[in-house]
Amino acid sequence: MQRALEGPRRAGNTPVGGELKVGNTHGVKQAKATESKIYVDGQEVKFVAYNIGGYNYFKLRDIAKVLNFGVLWDGGNNAIKVDTSQTYKE
């Protein structure tokens, strides 16, 4: 069985709750390059991604670039802002 993540570009997001919940795991974890395949609009997209503790992690800016949404740094609040009403900017 081949494992992959597939979805359309610019699909809406519906919060379900718990998205920002902080986990209770601590300590050092092993990270390894993931072999998961990602498809957007039926085309395979290559990302630098890592599997840590059974979960795949991707760079937010890489995903934003492919899916075309805004990612901003708010230095005053030390926060990352995702704005799906904006397009991606380098």
N, C-alpha and C. Protein backbone atom coordinates (compact mmCIF):
# COMPACT_ATOMS: atom_id res chain seq x y z
N MET A 1 0.84 -1.18 0.00
CA MET A 1 0.00 0.00 0.00
C MET A 1 0.88 1.24 0.00
N GLN A 2 0.58 2.18 -0.86
CA GLN A 2 1.36 3.41 -0.94
C GLN A 2 0.66 4.48 -0.12
N ARG A 3 1.43 5.18 0.69
CA ARG A 3 0.86 6.24 1.52
C ARG A 3 1.15 7.57 0.89
N ALA A 4 0.14 8.43 0.81
CA ALA A 4 0.31 9.74 0.20
C ALA A 4 -0.73 10.70 0.76
N LEU A 5 -0.44 11.98 0.66
CA LEU A 5 -1.36 13.05 1.01
C LEU A 5 -1.74 13.73 -0.28
N GLU A 6 -3.03 13.90 -0.52
CA GLU A 6 -3.47 14.51 -1.76
C GLU A 6 -4.58 15.50 -1.46
N GLY A 7 -4.57 16.63 -2.17
CA GLY A 7 -5.61 17.62 -1.98
C GLY A 7 -5.56 18.68 -3.05
N PRO A 8 -6.65 19.43 -3.20
CA PRO A 8 -6.69 20.50 -4.20
C PRO A 8 -6.00 21.76 -3.70
N ARG A 9 -5.58 22.59 -4.60
CA ARG A 9 -4.97 23.88 -4.29
C ARG A 9 -6.06 24.84 -3.82
N ARG A 10 -5.78 25.64 -2.80
CA ARG A 10 -6.67 26.68 -2.27
C ARG A 10 -8.00 26.13 -1.75
N ALA A 11 -8.00 24.94 -1.21
CA ALA A 11 -9.21 24.41 -0.58
C ALA A 11 -9.42 25.14 0.73
N GLY A 12 -10.66 25.30 1.13
CA GLY A 12 -10.98 25.99 2.37
C GLY A 12 -10.55 25.18 3.58
N ASN A 13 -10.43 25.83 4.72
CA ASN A 13 -10.03 25.17 5.96
C ASN A 13 -11.15 25.34 6.97
N THR A 14 -11.57 24.25 7.57
CA THR A 14 -12.59 24.29 8.60
C THR A 14 -11.97 23.83 9.91
N PRO A 15 -11.82 24.75 10.88
CA PRO A 15 -11.27 24.35 12.17
C PRO A 15 -12.15 23.30 12.85
N VAL A 16 -11.53 22.33 13.49
CA VAL A 16 -12.29 21.28 14.18
C VAL A 16 -12.02 21.30 15.68
N GLY A 17 -11.10 22.16 16.12
CA GLY A 17 -10.76 22.24 17.54
C GLY A 17 -9.51 21.44 17.86
N GLY A 18 -8.68 21.96 18.74
CA GLY A 18 -7.47 21.25 19.15
C GLY A 18 -6.28 21.48 18.24
N GLU A 19 -6.41 22.30 17.19
CA GLU A 19 -5.31 22.51 16.25
C GLU A 19 -4.06 23.08 16.92
N LEU A 20 -4.23 23.90 17.92
CA LEU A 20 -3.08 24.54 18.57
C LEU A 20 -2.78 23.95 19.94
N LYS A 21 -3.32 22.78 20.23
CA LYS A 21 -3.10 22.13 21.53
C LYS A 21 -1.64 21.74 21.68
N VAL A 22 -1.07 22.06 22.82
CA VAL A 22 0.31 21.71 23.13
C VAL A 22 0.35 20.28 23.65
N GLY A 23 1.22 19.48 23.05
CA GLY A 23 1.36 18.09 23.47
C GLY A 23 2.08 17.98 24.80
N ASN A 24 2.04 16.80 25.40
CA ASN A 24 2.68 16.60 26.69
C ASN A 24 3.93 15.73 26.59
N THR A 25 4.53 15.65 25.39
CA THR A 25 5.74 14.86 25.23
C THR A 25 6.96 15.77 25.33
N HIS A 26 7.99 15.28 25.96
CA HIS A 26 9.20 16.06 26.16
C HIS A 26 10.40 15.21 25.78
N GLY A 27 11.55 15.87 25.65
CA GLY A 27 12.78 15.14 25.41
C GLY A 27 13.24 15.24 23.96
N VAL A 28 14.35 14.59 23.70
CA VAL A 28 14.96 14.59 22.37
C VAL A 28 14.28 13.53 21.52
N LYS A 29 13.99 13.87 20.28
CA LYS A 29 13.37 12.93 19.36
C LYS A 29 14.22 12.81 18.11
N GLN A 30 14.18 11.65 17.51
CA GLN A 30 14.92 11.38 16.28
C GLN A 30 14.11 11.90 15.08
N ALA A 31 14.76 12.65 14.22
CA ALA A 31 14.11 13.12 12.99
C ALA A 31 14.77 12.44 11.80
N LYS A 32 13.94 11.97 10.87
CA LYS A 32 14.49 11.37 9.66
C LYS A 32 13.70 11.89 8.47
N ALA A 33 14.35 11.95 7.33
CA ALA A 33 13.67 12.43 6.12
C ALA A 33 12.47 11.54 5.85
N THR A 34 11.33 12.16 5.54
CA THR A 34 10.12 11.39 5.27
C THR A 34 10.09 10.93 3.81
N GLU A 35 9.49 9.80 3.60
CA GLU A 35 9.33 9.29 2.25
C GLU A 35 7.90 9.45 1.77
N SER A 36 7.07 10.16 2.53
CA SER A 36 5.67 10.37 2.15
C SER A 36 5.59 11.17 0.86
N LYS A 37 4.64 10.81 0.03
CA LYS A 37 4.42 11.54 -1.22
C LYS A 37 3.29 12.54 -1.02
N ILE A 38 3.47 13.73 -1.59
CA ILE A 38 2.48 14.79 -1.49
C ILE A 38 2.01 15.11 -2.90
N TYR A 39 0.69 15.18 -3.09
CA TYR A 39 0.11 15.51 -4.38
C TYR A 39 -0.79 16.73 -4.24
N VAL A 40 -0.65 17.68 -5.14
CA VAL A 40 -1.51 18.86 -5.19
C VAL A 40 -2.06 18.93 -6.61
N ASP A 41 -3.36 18.96 -6.72
CA ASP A 41 -4.03 18.96 -8.03
C ASP A 41 -3.55 17.80 -8.89
N GLY A 42 -3.31 16.65 -8.28
CA GLY A 42 -2.91 15.45 -9.00
C GLY A 42 -1.45 15.37 -9.37
N GLN A 43 -0.66 16.40 -9.06
CA GLN A 43 0.76 16.43 -9.39
C GLN A 43 1.59 16.24 -8.12
N GLU A 44 2.60 15.36 -8.20
CA GLU A 44 3.46 15.17 -7.04
C GLU A 44 4.31 16.41 -6.81
N VAL A 45 4.40 16.82 -5.55
CA VAL A 45 5.18 17.99 -5.14
C VAL A 45 6.25 17.50 -4.17
N LYS A 46 7.48 17.93 -4.36
CA LYS A 46 8.59 17.53 -3.48
C LYS A 46 8.81 18.60 -2.42
N PHE A 47 8.86 18.17 -1.17
CA PHE A 47 9.16 19.05 -0.05
C PHE A 47 10.32 18.45 0.73
N VAL A 48 11.08 19.30 1.42
CA VAL A 48 12.01 18.81 2.43
C VAL A 48 11.13 18.62 3.66
N ALA A 49 10.98 17.38 4.09
CA ALA A 49 10.08 17.07 5.21
C ALA A 49 10.71 16.01 6.09
N TYR A 50 10.29 15.99 7.34
CA TYR A 50 10.86 15.07 8.31
C TYR A 50 9.77 14.33 9.06
N ASN A 51 10.06 13.09 9.43
CA ASN A 51 9.18 12.30 10.26
C ASN A 51 9.79 12.29 11.66
N ILE A 52 9.01 12.76 12.61
CA ILE A 52 9.43 12.81 14.01
C ILE A 52 8.33 12.17 14.84
N GLY A 53 8.64 11.08 15.50
CA GLY A 53 7.66 10.41 16.35
C GLY A 53 6.44 9.92 15.60
N GLY A 54 6.60 9.57 14.33
CA GLY A 54 5.47 9.07 13.54
C GLY A 54 4.66 10.15 12.86
N TYR A 55 5.05 11.41 13.01
CA TYR A 55 4.34 12.53 12.38
C TYR A 55 5.25 13.19 11.36
N ASN A 56 4.68 13.62 10.23
CA ASN A 56 5.45 14.31 9.21
C ASN A 56 5.38 15.81 9.43
N TYR A 57 6.53 16.47 9.32
CA TYR A 57 6.63 17.91 9.50
C TYR A 57 7.18 18.54 8.22
N PHE A 58 6.55 19.65 7.81
CA PHE A 58 6.91 20.36 6.59
C PHE A 58 7.19 21.81 6.94
N LYS A 59 7.97 22.48 6.12
CA LYS A 59 8.21 23.91 6.30
C LYS A 59 6.96 24.66 5.85
N LEU A 60 6.45 25.51 6.72
CA LEU A 60 5.22 26.24 6.44
C LEU A 60 5.34 27.06 5.15
N ARG A 61 6.48 27.71 4.94
CA ARG A 61 6.64 28.52 3.72
C ARG A 61 6.63 27.67 2.46
N ASP A 62 7.15 26.44 2.52
CA ASP A 62 7.09 25.55 1.36
C ASP A 62 5.64 25.22 1.00
N ILE A 63 4.84 24.92 2.02
CA ILE A 63 3.43 24.60 1.79
C ILE A 63 2.69 25.84 1.29
N ALA A 64 2.97 27.00 1.90
CA ALA A 64 2.32 28.25 1.50
C ALA A 64 2.61 28.58 0.04
N LYS A 65 3.83 28.33 -0.39
CA LYS A 65 4.21 28.63 -1.77
C LYS A 65 3.42 27.77 -2.75
N VAL A 66 3.32 26.48 -2.47
CA VAL A 66 2.61 25.57 -3.37
C VAL A 66 1.10 25.80 -3.35
N LEU A 67 0.54 26.04 -2.16
CA LEU A 67 -0.91 26.23 -2.04
C LEU A 67 -1.33 27.69 -2.19
N ASN A 68 -0.33 28.59 -2.26
CA ASN A 68 -0.55 30.01 -2.52
C ASN A 68 -1.38 30.72 -1.44
N PHE A 69 -0.84 30.73 -0.22
CA PHE A 69 -1.44 31.54 0.84
C PHE A 69 -0.34 32.32 1.55
N GLY A 70 -0.73 33.38 2.24
CA GLY A 70 0.22 34.27 2.88
C GLY A 70 0.72 33.76 4.22
N VAL A 71 2.02 33.95 4.45
CA VAL A 71 2.66 33.65 5.74
C VAL A 71 3.45 34.88 6.13
N LEU A 72 3.16 35.41 7.28
CA LEU A 72 3.80 36.65 7.74
C LEU A 72 4.41 36.45 9.12
N TRP A 73 5.50 37.17 9.38
CA TRP A 73 6.11 37.17 10.70
C TRP A 73 5.72 38.44 11.41
N ASP A 74 5.14 38.31 12.59
CA ASP A 74 4.76 39.44 13.44
C ASP A 74 5.78 39.50 14.57
N GLY A 75 6.84 40.29 14.36
CA GLY A 75 7.91 40.38 15.33
C GLY A 75 7.47 40.98 16.66
N GLY A 76 6.51 41.91 16.62
CA GLY A 76 6.02 42.54 17.84
C GLY A 76 5.38 41.55 18.79
N ASN A 77 4.71 40.57 18.22
CA ASN A 77 4.04 39.56 19.03
C ASN A 77 4.76 38.21 19.01
N ASN A 78 5.93 38.18 18.33
CA ASN A 78 6.70 36.95 18.23
C ASN A 78 5.83 35.79 17.75
N ALA A 79 5.12 36.05 16.61
CA ALA A 79 4.14 35.08 16.12
C ALA A 79 4.17 34.96 14.60
N ILE A 80 3.80 33.80 14.12
CA ILE A 80 3.62 33.57 12.69
C ILE A 80 2.14 33.75 12.40
N LYS A 81 1.83 34.43 11.31
CA LYS A 81 0.44 34.62 10.91
C LYS A 81 0.21 33.98 9.55
N VAL A 82 -0.83 33.18 9.45
CA VAL A 82 -1.24 32.56 8.19
C VAL A 82 -2.48 33.30 7.72
N ASP A 83 -2.43 33.79 6.48
CA ASP A 83 -3.55 34.55 5.94
C ASP A 83 -3.95 33.95 4.59
N THR A 84 -5.02 33.18 4.58
CA THR A 84 -5.46 32.51 3.36
C THR A 84 -6.13 33.47 2.38
N SER A 85 -6.39 34.71 2.80
CA SER A 85 -6.94 35.70 1.86
C SER A 85 -5.85 36.38 1.05
N GLN A 86 -4.59 36.16 1.44
CA GLN A 86 -3.43 36.74 0.75
C GLN A 86 -2.79 35.65 -0.11
N THR A 87 -2.03 36.10 -1.13
CA THR A 87 -1.24 35.16 -1.93
C THR A 87 0.15 35.08 -1.35
N TYR A 88 0.88 34.03 -1.72
CA TYR A 88 2.23 33.82 -1.21
C TYR A 88 3.17 34.86 -1.78
N LYS A 89 4.06 35.39 -0.95
CA LYS A 89 5.10 36.34 -1.36
C LYS A 89 6.43 35.85 -0.79
N GLU A 90 7.47 35.89 -1.62
CA GLU A 90 8.82 35.47 -1.17
C GLU A 90 9.31 36.40 -0.10
